[in-house]
Amino acid sequence: MKNILVPTDFSENAMNALLYAKELACAFKGRLTLVHTFQVYQRSDMLVSMEKVLRKEAEKGMEAFLDKAALTVPVETKILKGDAVHTISDLAEEGGYDLIVMGTKGASGLREVFLGSTTGGVMRHTSAPIIAIPENYIPRPIKKIAVGIANLELSGEEVAAPLRRLGEKFGAKVFVYHSAKDPEDGPKDELLETVSWLDGLPYSLHLEEEKENLHKSLKAFVKSIDADMLCLIRRQHGYIGFFERLFKLSTTLNEVFRCEVPLLVLHSE
């Protein structure tokens, strides 16, 4: 958690995400990299001059953004030309970042990351853990983390390493939520084996009868335990889990991001 990538469009919501990332960087004695992307859409004979103008504007925006944030942790800035989703995803992979922290709604380029045809954008194009910060969220200590699990097998214990590090650093308790057709059977052996990757973190299991509206039931669970974070696991190859069911349609995506707590997305093969 020492190298944290923070995409920004200089909006208020991006500032909220930056302040959240700053708290993480302070806790882990890490550093931040702020990245802003821009695209040039004008005709070919104007591309060079327009790119210079847009880059200059972005540099001024980044300077003002940093001044307003008044950061007390090491920070690097990058201004890159290209599609927001793929540029951010490529940078995260090539730079070996431990974590991406970003807002779920913003002006201009980053709107496409979470809404519209990209349907999850960066989340689907990187293996780096992501924390998505809801609009207007006010940072608070991470003491309770809700984890939604559908399919019970992970590709390895390393999938949950970011969750373990967060839990250990902040002394958080993990509340594992699993929906099943017959929850009265009690925890399955596979579920108990899966949560073994929590490796000493305090946790509790919550089994609930499978319902059609997963969004509502999961959101109600998060609210019932007063969670400070929700964690979902994205299955990269073939599996259908909570993440895939919640993010199947852009309208569903829009709804889940109205959740009032940050969303940590981990990736499993």
C-alpha atoms as a PDB file:
ATOM      1  CA  MET A   1       0.000   0.000   0.000  1.00  0.00           C
ATOM      2  CA  LYS A   2       2.991   2.296  -0.337  1.00  0.00           C
ATOM      3  CA  ASN A   3       2.530   3.330  -3.976  1.00  0.00           C
ATOM      4  CA  ILE A   4      -0.955   4.718  -4.571  1.00  0.00           C
ATOM      5  CA  LEU A   5      -2.262   5.943  -7.925  1.00  0.00           C
ATOM      6  CA  VAL A   6      -4.921   8.659  -7.803  1.00  0.00           C
ATOM      7  CA  PRO A   7      -6.625   9.620 -11.111  1.00  0.00           C
ATOM      8  CA  THR A   8      -8.039  13.140 -11.033  1.00  0.00           C
ATOM      9  CA  ASP A   9     -10.208  15.396 -13.164  1.00  0.00           C
ATOM     10  CA  PHE A  10      -9.816  18.251 -10.640  1.00  0.00           C
ATOM     11  CA  SER A  11     -13.457  17.943  -9.501  1.00  0.00           C
ATOM     12  CA  GLU A  12     -14.654  18.088  -5.900  1.00  0.00           C
ATOM     13  CA  ASN A  13     -15.233  14.358  -5.910  1.00  0.00           C
ATOM     14  CA  ALA A  14     -11.699  13.793  -7.151  1.00  0.00           C
ATOM     15  CA  MET A  15     -10.534  15.928  -4.230  1.00  0.00           C
ATOM     16  CA  ASN A  16     -12.470  13.663  -1.829  1.00  0.00           C
ATOM     17  CA  ALA A  17     -10.696  10.650  -3.329  1.00  0.00           C
ATOM     18  CA  LEU A  18      -7.330  12.391  -3.005  1.00  0.00           C
ATOM     19  CA  LEU A  19      -7.905  13.218   0.667  1.00  0.00           C
ATOM     20  CA  TYR A  20      -8.861   9.590   1.310  1.00  0.00           C
ATOM     21  CA  ALA A  21      -5.717   8.423  -0.498  1.00  0.00           C
ATOM     22  CA  LYS A  22      -3.667  10.867   1.560  1.00  0.00           C
ATOM     23  CA  GLU A  23      -4.894   9.243   4.785  1.00  0.00           C
ATOM     24  CA  LEU A  24      -3.876   5.826   3.449  1.00  0.00           C
ATOM     25  CA  ALA A  25      -0.467   7.126   2.381  1.00  0.00           C
ATOM     26  CA  CYS A  26       0.058   8.591   5.861  1.00  0.00           C
ATOM     27  CA  ALA A  27      -0.923   5.317   7.532  1.00  0.00           C
ATOM     28  CA  PHE A  28       1.321   3.173   5.330  1.00  0.00           C
ATOM     29  CA  LYS A  29       4.121   5.759   4.996  1.00  0.00           C
ATOM     30  CA  GLY A  30       3.602   5.676   1.257  1.00  0.00           C
ATOM     31  CA  ARG A  31       3.558   8.065  -1.674  1.00  0.00           C
ATOM     32  CA  LEU A  32       0.916   9.265  -4.132  1.00  0.00           C
ATOM     33  CA  THR A  33       0.940   9.635  -7.896  1.00  0.00           C
ATOM     34  CA  LEU A  34      -1.731  11.956  -9.297  1.00  0.00           C
ATOM     35  CA  VAL A  35      -2.591  11.352 -12.933  1.00  0.00           C
ATOM     36  CA  HIS A  36      -4.778  13.464 -15.217  1.00  0.00           C
ATOM     37  CA  THR A  37      -5.697  12.348 -18.732  1.00  0.00           C
ATOM     38  CA  PHE A  38      -6.914  14.354 -21.688  1.00  0.00           C
ATOM     39  CA  GLN A  39      -7.936  13.637 -25.263  1.00  0.00           C
ATOM     40  CA  VAL A  40      -7.687  15.658 -28.456  1.00  0.00           C
ATOM     41  CA  TYR A  41     -10.717  15.381 -30.732  1.00  0.00           C
ATOM     42  CA  GLN A  42     -10.096  18.207 -33.249  1.00  0.00           C
ATOM     43  CA  ARG A  43      -9.220  17.667 -36.908  1.00  0.00           C
ATOM     44  CA  SER A  44      -5.710  16.533 -37.792  1.00  0.00           C
ATOM     45  CA  ASP A  45      -4.312  19.921 -38.816  1.00  0.00           C
ATOM     46  CA  MET A  46      -5.087  21.271 -35.333  1.00  0.00           C
ATOM     47  CA  LEU A  47      -3.924  18.318 -33.233  1.00  0.00           C
ATOM     48  CA  VAL A  48      -0.446  19.561 -32.325  1.00  0.00           C
ATOM     49  CA  SER A  49      -1.468  23.074 -31.320  1.00  0.00           C
ATOM     50  CA  MET A  50      -4.582  21.885 -29.479  1.00  0.00           C
ATOM     51  CA  GLU A  51      -2.604  19.276 -27.568  1.00  0.00           C
ATOM     52  CA  LYS A  52      -0.257  21.978 -26.315  1.00  0.00           C
ATOM     53  CA  VAL A  53      -3.200  24.096 -25.175  1.00  0.00           C
ATOM     54  CA  LEU A  54      -4.900  21.198 -23.381  1.00  0.00           C
ATOM     55  CA  ARG A  55      -1.682  20.098 -21.724  1.00  0.00           C
ATOM     56  CA  LYS A  56      -0.984  23.631 -20.523  1.00  0.00           C
ATOM     57  CA  GLU A  57      -4.498  23.902 -19.093  1.00  0.00           C
ATOM     58  CA  ALA A  58      -4.063  20.520 -17.391  1.00  0.00           C
ATOM     59  CA  GLU A  59      -0.780  21.637 -15.837  1.00  0.00           C
ATOM     60  CA  LYS A  60      -2.444  24.742 -14.410  1.00  0.00           C
ATOM     61  CA  GLY A  61      -5.351  22.637 -13.154  1.00  0.00           C
ATOM     62  CA  MET A  62      -2.988  20.182 -11.478  1.00  0.00           C
ATOM     63  CA  GLU A  63      -1.065  22.988  -9.781  1.00  0.00           C
ATOM     64  CA  ALA A  64      -4.258  24.558  -8.410  1.00  0.00           C
ATOM     65  CA  PHE A  65      -5.545  21.145  -7.347  1.00  0.00           C
ATOM     66  CA  LEU A  66      -2.375  20.399  -5.379  1.00  0.00           C
ATOM     67  CA  ASP A  67      -2.368  23.819  -3.766  1.00  0.00           C
ATOM     68  CA  LYS A  68      -5.928  23.256  -2.564  1.00  0.00           C
ATOM     69  CA  ALA A  69      -5.149  19.767  -1.243  1.00  0.00           C
ATOM     70  CA  ALA A  70      -2.163  20.933   0.821  1.00  0.00           C
ATOM     71  CA  LEU A  71      -0.694  17.434   0.942  1.00  0.00           C
ATOM     72  CA  THR A  72       1.821  16.402   3.593  1.00  0.00           C
ATOM     73  CA  VAL A  73       2.919  13.164   1.874  1.00  0.00           C
ATOM     74  CA  PRO A  74       5.293  12.612  -1.071  1.00  0.00           C
ATOM     75  CA  VAL A  75       3.463  13.181  -4.365  1.00  0.00           C
ATOM     76  CA  GLU A  76       4.295  12.871  -8.052  1.00  0.00           C
ATOM     77  CA  THR A  77       2.124  14.187 -10.897  1.00  0.00           C
ATOM     78  CA  LYS A  78       1.541  12.865 -14.407  1.00  0.00           C
ATOM     79  CA  ILE A  79      -0.444  14.411 -17.263  1.00  0.00           C
ATOM     80  CA  LEU A  80      -1.065  11.929 -20.071  1.00  0.00           C
ATOM     81  CA  LYS A  81      -2.826  12.085 -23.418  1.00  0.00           C
ATOM     82  CA  GLY A  82      -5.221   9.250 -24.144  1.00  0.00           C
ATOM     83  CA  ASP A  83      -8.461   7.520 -23.269  1.00  0.00           C
ATOM     84  CA  ALA A  84      -8.978   7.733 -19.502  1.00  0.00           C
ATOM     85  CA  VAL A  85      -9.821   4.073 -18.898  1.00  0.00           C
ATOM     86  CA  HIS A  86      -6.980   2.506 -20.851  1.00  0.00           C
ATOM     87  CA  THR A  87      -4.386   5.143 -20.000  1.00  0.00           C
ATOM     88  CA  ILE A  88      -5.014   4.788 -16.261  1.00  0.00           C
ATOM     89  CA  SER A  89      -5.148   0.996 -16.466  1.00  0.00           C
ATOM     90  CA  ASP A  90      -1.896   0.786 -18.445  1.00  0.00           C
ATOM     91  CA  LEU A  91      -0.149   3.150 -16.045  1.00  0.00           C
ATOM     92  CA  ALA A  92      -1.327   1.106 -13.051  1.00  0.00           C
ATOM     93  CA  GLU A  93       0.059  -2.091 -14.575  1.00  0.00           C
ATOM     94  CA  GLU A  94       3.326  -0.672 -15.876  1.00  0.00           C
ATOM     95  CA  GLY A  95       4.023   1.328 -12.726  1.00  0.00           C
ATOM     96  CA  GLY A  96       3.345  -1.582 -10.394  1.00  0.00           C
ATOM     97  CA  TYR A  97       1.057   0.452  -8.136  1.00  0.00           C
ATOM     98  CA  ASP A  98      -0.225  -1.240  -4.992  1.00  0.00           C
ATOM     99  CA  LEU A  99      -3.575   0.544  -5.093  1.00  0.00           C
ATOM    100  CA  ILE A 100      -5.744   2.879  -7.178  1.00  0.00           C
ATOM    101  CA  VAL A 101      -7.984   5.351  -5.356  1.00  0.00           C
ATOM    102  CA  MET A 102     -10.550   7.238  -7.402  1.00  0.00           C
ATOM    103  CA  GLY A 103     -13.939   8.918  -7.191  1.00  0.00           C
ATOM    104  CA  THR A 104     -17.058   7.304  -8.627  1.00  0.00           C
ATOM    105  CA  LYS A 105     -18.370  10.423 -10.312  1.00  0.00           C
ATOM    106  CA  GLY A 106     -16.657  13.407 -11.808  1.00  0.00           C
ATOM    107  CA  ALA A 107     -16.581  15.933 -14.587  1.00  0.00           C
ATOM    108  CA  SER A 108     -15.130  15.420 -18.068  1.00  0.00           C
ATOM    109  CA  GLY A 109     -12.803  12.507 -18.791  1.00  0.00           C
ATOM    110  CA  LEU A 110     -13.213  10.338 -15.733  1.00  0.00           C
ATOM    111  CA  ARG A 111     -16.987  10.078 -16.014  1.00  0.00           C
ATOM    112  CA  GLU A 112     -16.472   7.332 -18.595  1.00  0.00           C
ATOM    113  CA  VAL A 113     -14.524   5.262 -16.070  1.00  0.00           C
ATOM    114  CA  PHE A 114     -17.610   4.354 -14.085  1.00  0.00           C
ATOM    115  CA  LEU A 115     -20.617   5.169 -16.257  1.00  0.00           C
ATOM    116  CA  GLY A 116     -21.817   4.443 -19.786  1.00  0.00           C
ATOM    117  CA  SER A 117     -20.550   1.870 -22.247  1.00  0.00           C
ATOM    118  CA  THR A 118     -17.275   1.092 -20.454  1.00  0.00           C
ATOM    119  CA  THR A 119     -19.231  -0.410 -17.504  1.00  0.00           C
ATOM    120  CA  GLY A 120     -16.650  -0.481 -14.853  1.00  0.00           C
ATOM    121  CA  GLY A 121     -13.795   0.773 -17.046  1.00  0.00           C
ATOM    122  CA  VAL A 122     -10.627   0.725 -15.017  1.00  0.00           C
ATOM    123  CA  MET A 123     -11.963  -1.991 -12.708  1.00  0.00           C
ATOM    124  CA  ARG A 124     -12.193  -4.362 -15.658  1.00  0.00           C
ATOM    125  CA  HIS A 125      -8.873  -3.465 -17.230  1.00  0.00           C
ATOM    126  CA  THR A 126      -6.423  -3.732 -14.360  1.00  0.00           C
ATOM    127  CA  SER A 127      -5.362  -6.269 -11.773  1.00  0.00           C
ATOM    128  CA  ALA A 128      -4.474  -3.539  -9.278  1.00  0.00           C
ATOM    129  CA  PRO A 129      -6.772  -3.245  -6.244  1.00  0.00           C
ATOM    130  CA  ILE A 130      -9.091  -0.243  -6.479  1.00  0.00           C
ATOM    131  CA  ILE A 131     -10.871   1.797  -3.834  1.00  0.00           C
ATOM    132  CA  ALA A 132     -13.751   3.806  -5.297  1.00  0.00           C
ATOM    133  CA  ILE A 133     -14.835   6.742  -3.149  1.00  0.00           C
ATOM    134  CA  PRO A 134     -18.514   7.807  -3.280  1.00  0.00           C
ATOM    135  CA  GLU A 135     -19.403  11.362  -4.115  1.00  0.00           C
ATOM    136  CA  ASN A 136     -19.389  13.645  -1.042  1.00  0.00           C
ATOM    137  CA  TYR A 137     -17.939  10.918   1.170  1.00  0.00           C
ATOM    138  CA  ILE A 138     -16.252  12.193   4.338  1.00  0.00           C
ATOM    139  CA  PRO A 139     -13.252  10.003   5.314  1.00  0.00           C
ATOM    140  CA  ARG A 140     -13.492   8.162   8.624  1.00  0.00           C
ATOM    141  CA  PRO A 141     -11.465   5.399  10.307  1.00  0.00           C
ATOM    142  CA  ILE A 142     -11.800   1.931   8.781  1.00  0.00           C
ATOM    143  CA  LYS A 143     -13.125  -0.177  11.655  1.00  0.00           C
ATOM    144  CA  LYS A 144     -15.689  -2.416   9.929  1.00  0.00           C
ATOM    145  CA  ILE A 145     -15.240  -3.937   6.472  1.00  0.00           C
ATOM    146  CA  ALA A 146     -18.094  -5.784   4.746  1.00  0.00           C
ATOM    147  CA  VAL A 147     -16.981  -8.431   2.234  1.00  0.00           C
ATOM    148  CA  GLY A 148     -19.457  -9.860  -0.265  1.00  0.00           C
ATOM    149  CA  ILE A 149     -18.621 -13.383  -1.438  1.00  0.00           C
ATOM    150  CA  ALA A 150     -20.612 -15.376  -3.983  1.00  0.00           C
ATOM    151  CA  ASN A 151     -18.310 -17.971  -5.538  1.00  0.00           C
ATOM    152  CA  LEU A 152     -16.269 -19.411  -2.726  1.00  0.00           C
ATOM    153  CA  GLU A 153     -12.926 -20.154  -4.350  1.00  0.00           C
ATOM    154  CA  LEU A 154     -10.173 -17.573  -4.763  1.00  0.00           C
ATOM    155  CA  SER A 155      -7.212 -18.017  -7.082  1.00  0.00           C
ATOM    156  CA  GLY A 156      -4.875 -17.606  -4.124  1.00  0.00           C
ATOM    157  CA  GLU A 157      -4.363 -16.003  -0.738  1.00  0.00           C
ATOM    158  CA  GLU A 158      -2.579 -13.075  -2.390  1.00  0.00           C
ATOM    159  CA  VAL A 159      -5.962 -11.901  -3.720  1.00  0.00           C
ATOM    160  CA  ALA A 160      -6.969 -10.860  -0.217  1.00  0.00           C
ATOM    161  CA  ALA A 161      -3.598  -9.364   0.760  1.00  0.00           C
ATOM    162  CA  PRO A 162      -4.750  -5.716   0.344  1.00  0.00           C
ATOM    163  CA  LEU A 163      -7.784  -6.419   2.526  1.00  0.00           C
ATOM    164  CA  ARG A 164      -5.593  -8.029   5.186  1.00  0.00           C
ATOM    165  CA  ARG A 165      -3.178  -5.101   5.164  1.00  0.00           C
ATOM    166  CA  LEU A 166      -6.002  -2.595   5.554  1.00  0.00           C
ATOM    167  CA  GLY A 167      -7.583  -4.627   8.338  1.00  0.00           C
ATOM    168  CA  GLU A 168      -4.312  -5.016  10.202  1.00  0.00           C
ATOM    169  CA  LYS A 169      -3.293  -1.377   9.835  1.00  0.00           C
ATOM    170  CA  PHE A 170      -6.605   0.038  11.056  1.00  0.00           C
ATOM    171  CA  GLY A 171      -7.578  -2.717  13.500  1.00  0.00           C
ATOM    172  CA  ALA A 172     -10.741  -3.469  11.512  1.00  0.00           C
ATOM    173  CA  LYS A 173     -13.179  -6.350  11.851  1.00  0.00           C
ATOM    174  CA  VAL A 174     -14.342  -8.122   8.690  1.00  0.00           C
ATOM    175  CA  PHE A 175     -17.998  -9.056   8.163  1.00  0.00           C
ATOM    176  CA  VAL A 176     -18.277 -11.728   5.459  1.00  0.00           C
ATOM    177  CA  TYR A 177     -21.617 -11.749   3.617  1.00  0.00           C
ATOM    178  CA  HIS A 178     -22.639 -14.798   1.591  1.00  0.00           C
ATOM    179  CA  SER A 179     -26.022 -15.510   0.054  1.00  0.00           C
ATOM    180  CA  ALA A 180     -27.092 -19.121  -0.419  1.00  0.00           C
ATOM    181  CA  LYS A 181     -30.226 -20.951  -1.526  1.00  0.00           C
ATOM    182  CA  ASP A 182     -30.473 -22.690   1.852  1.00  0.00           C
ATOM    183  CA  PRO A 183     -28.518 -20.714   4.479  1.00  0.00           C
ATOM    184  CA  GLU A 184     -29.943 -22.848   7.301  1.00  0.00           C
ATOM    185  CA  ASP A 185     -27.442 -25.531   6.351  1.00  0.00           C
ATOM    186  CA  GLY A 186     -24.814 -23.373   8.034  1.00  0.00           C
ATOM    187  CA  PRO A 187     -21.407 -22.305   6.695  1.00  0.00           C
ATOM    188  CA  LYS A 188     -20.098 -24.542   3.934  1.00  0.00           C
ATOM    189  CA  ASP A 189     -16.623 -26.019   4.215  1.00  0.00           C
ATOM    190  CA  GLU A 190     -15.629 -24.025   1.120  1.00  0.00           C
ATOM    191  CA  LEU A 191     -16.695 -20.779   2.789  1.00  0.00           C
ATOM    192  CA  LEU A 192     -14.712 -21.531   5.927  1.00  0.00           C
ATOM    193  CA  GLU A 193     -11.703 -22.407   3.795  1.00  0.00           C
ATOM    194  CA  THR A 194     -12.058 -19.190   1.798  1.00  0.00           C
ATOM    195  CA  VAL A 195     -12.162 -16.927   4.855  1.00  0.00           C
ATOM    196  CA  SER A 196      -9.012 -18.592   6.169  1.00  0.00           C
ATOM    197  CA  TRP A 197      -7.119 -16.044   4.032  1.00  0.00           C
ATOM    198  CA  LEU A 198      -8.101 -13.434   6.618  1.00  0.00           C
ATOM    199  CA  ASP A 199      -5.139 -14.834   8.545  1.00  0.00           C
ATOM    200  CA  GLY A 200      -5.948 -13.816  12.099  1.00  0.00           C
ATOM    201  CA  LEU A 201      -8.177 -10.811  11.420  1.00  0.00           C
ATOM    202  CA  PRO A 202     -11.326 -10.791  13.559  1.00  0.00           C
ATOM    203  CA  TYR A 203     -14.314 -11.710  11.399  1.00  0.00           C
ATOM    204  CA  SER A 204     -17.881 -12.945  11.469  1.00  0.00           C
ATOM    205  CA  LEU A 205     -19.899 -14.880   8.868  1.00  0.00           C
ATOM    206  CA  HIS A 206     -23.351 -13.807   7.730  1.00  0.00           C
ATOM    207  CA  LEU A 207     -25.336 -16.197   5.539  1.00  0.00           C
ATOM    208  CA  GLU A 208     -28.556 -15.025   3.948  1.00  0.00           C
ATOM    209  CA  GLU A 209     -31.079 -16.620   1.628  1.00  0.00           C
ATOM    210  CA  GLU A 210     -30.310 -15.779  -1.980  1.00  0.00           C
ATOM    211  CA  LYS A 211     -32.488 -12.947  -3.272  1.00  0.00           C
ATOM    212  CA  GLU A 212     -33.144 -11.603  -6.732  1.00  0.00           C
ATOM    213  CA  ASN A 213     -32.175  -8.021  -5.919  1.00  0.00           C
ATOM    214  CA  LEU A 214     -28.604  -8.434  -4.758  1.00  0.00           C
ATOM    215  CA  HIS A 215     -27.975  -4.707  -4.808  1.00  0.00           C
ATOM    216  CA  LYS A 216     -30.641  -4.000  -2.182  1.00  0.00           C
ATOM    217  CA  SER A 217     -29.741  -6.903   0.089  1.00  0.00           C
ATOM    218  CA  LEU A 218     -26.015  -6.151   0.028  1.00  0.00           C
ATOM    219  CA  LYS A 219     -26.603  -2.455   0.580  1.00  0.00           C
ATOM    220  CA  ALA A 220     -28.911  -3.270   3.514  1.00  0.00           C
ATOM    221  CA  PHE A 221     -26.213  -5.495   5.023  1.00  0.00           C
ATOM    222  CA  VAL A 222     -23.591  -2.755   4.737  1.00  0.00           C
ATOM    223  CA  LYS A 223     -25.949  -0.363   6.480  1.00  0.00           C
ATOM    224  CA  SER A 224     -26.948  -2.853   9.185  1.00  0.00           C
ATOM    225  CA  ILE A 225     -23.373  -3.287  10.419  1.00  0.00           C
ATOM    226  CA  ASP A 226     -22.487   0.374   9.858  1.00  0.00           C
ATOM    227  CA  ALA A 227     -19.562  -0.651   7.629  1.00  0.00           C
ATOM    228  CA  ASP A 228     -16.792   1.771   6.757  1.00  0.00           C
ATOM    229  CA  MET A 229     -15.919  -0.093   3.551  1.00  0.00           C
ATOM    230  CA  LEU A 230     -17.409  -2.687   1.199  1.00  0.00           C
ATOM    231  CA  CYS A 231     -15.103  -5.194  -0.506  1.00  0.00           C
ATOM    232  CA  LEU A 232     -16.015  -7.160  -3.638  1.00  0.00           C
ATOM    233  CA  ILE A 233     -13.918  -9.590  -5.649  1.00  0.00           C
ATOM    234  CA  ARG A 234     -13.886  -9.434  -9.444  1.00  0.00           C
ATOM    235  CA  ARG A 235     -13.520 -12.805 -11.127  1.00  0.00           C
ATOM    236  CA  GLN A 236     -11.409 -12.370 -14.250  1.00  0.00           C
ATOM    237  CA  HIS A 237     -12.117 -15.615 -16.048  1.00  0.00           C
ATOM    238  CA  GLY A 238     -15.538 -17.156 -16.334  1.00  0.00           C
ATOM    239  CA  TYR A 239     -16.874 -16.974 -12.787  1.00  0.00           C
ATOM    240  CA  ILE A 240     -20.001 -15.019 -11.922  1.00  0.00           C
ATOM    241  CA  GLY A 241     -19.719 -13.393  -8.517  1.00  0.00           C
ATOM    242  CA  PHE A 242     -21.263 -10.441  -6.713  1.00  0.00           C
ATOM    243  CA  PHE A 243     -19.138  -7.995  -8.682  1.00  0.00           C
ATOM    244  CA  GLU A 244     -20.283  -9.350 -12.042  1.00  0.00           C
ATOM    245  CA  ARG A 245     -23.932  -9.455 -10.986  1.00  0.00           C
ATOM    246  CA  LEU A 246     -23.862  -5.934  -9.578  1.00  0.00           C
ATOM    247  CA  PHE A 247     -22.056  -4.460 -12.564  1.00  0.00           C
ATOM    248  CA  LYS A 248     -23.845  -6.265 -15.376  1.00  0.00           C
ATOM    249  CA  LEU A 249     -25.709  -3.163 -16.505  1.00  0.00           C
ATOM    250  CA  SER A 250     -24.644   0.457 -16.343  1.00  0.00           C
ATOM    251  CA  THR A 251     -27.874   1.309 -14.488  1.00  0.00           C
ATOM    252  CA  THR A 252     -26.984  -1.220 -11.818  1.00  0.00           C
ATOM    253  CA  LEU A 253     -23.470   0.198 -11.739  1.00  0.00           C
ATOM    254  CA  ASN A 254     -24.887   3.647 -11.122  1.00  0.00           C
ATOM    255  CA  GLU A 255     -27.040   2.343  -8.272  1.00  0.00           C
ATOM    256  CA  VAL A 256     -24.311   0.463  -6.426  1.00  0.00           C
ATOM    257  CA  PHE A 257     -22.029   3.456  -6.497  1.00  0.00           C
ATOM    258  CA  ARG A 258     -24.623   5.347  -4.514  1.00  0.00           C
ATOM    259  CA  CYS A 259     -23.500   3.171  -1.622  1.00  0.00           C
ATOM    260  CA  GLU A 260     -22.345   5.500   1.119  1.00  0.00           C
ATOM    261  CA  VAL A 261     -19.008   3.808   1.837  1.00  0.00           C
ATOM    262  CA  PRO A 262     -15.840   3.268  -0.210  1.00  0.00           C
ATOM    263  CA  LEU A 263     -15.759   0.167  -2.399  1.00  0.00           C
ATOM    264  CA  LEU A 264     -12.612  -1.947  -2.440  1.00  0.00           C
ATOM    265  CA  VAL A 265     -12.385  -4.129  -5.567  1.00  0.00           C
ATOM    266  CA  LEU A 266      -9.941  -7.040  -5.560  1.00  0.00           C
ATOM    267  CA  HIS A 267      -9.170  -9.307  -8.521  1.00  0.00           C
ATOM    268  CA  SER A 268      -9.116 -13.095  -8.666  1.00  0.00           C
ATOM    269  CA  GLU A 269      -8.217 -15.373 -11.529  1.00  0.00           C
END
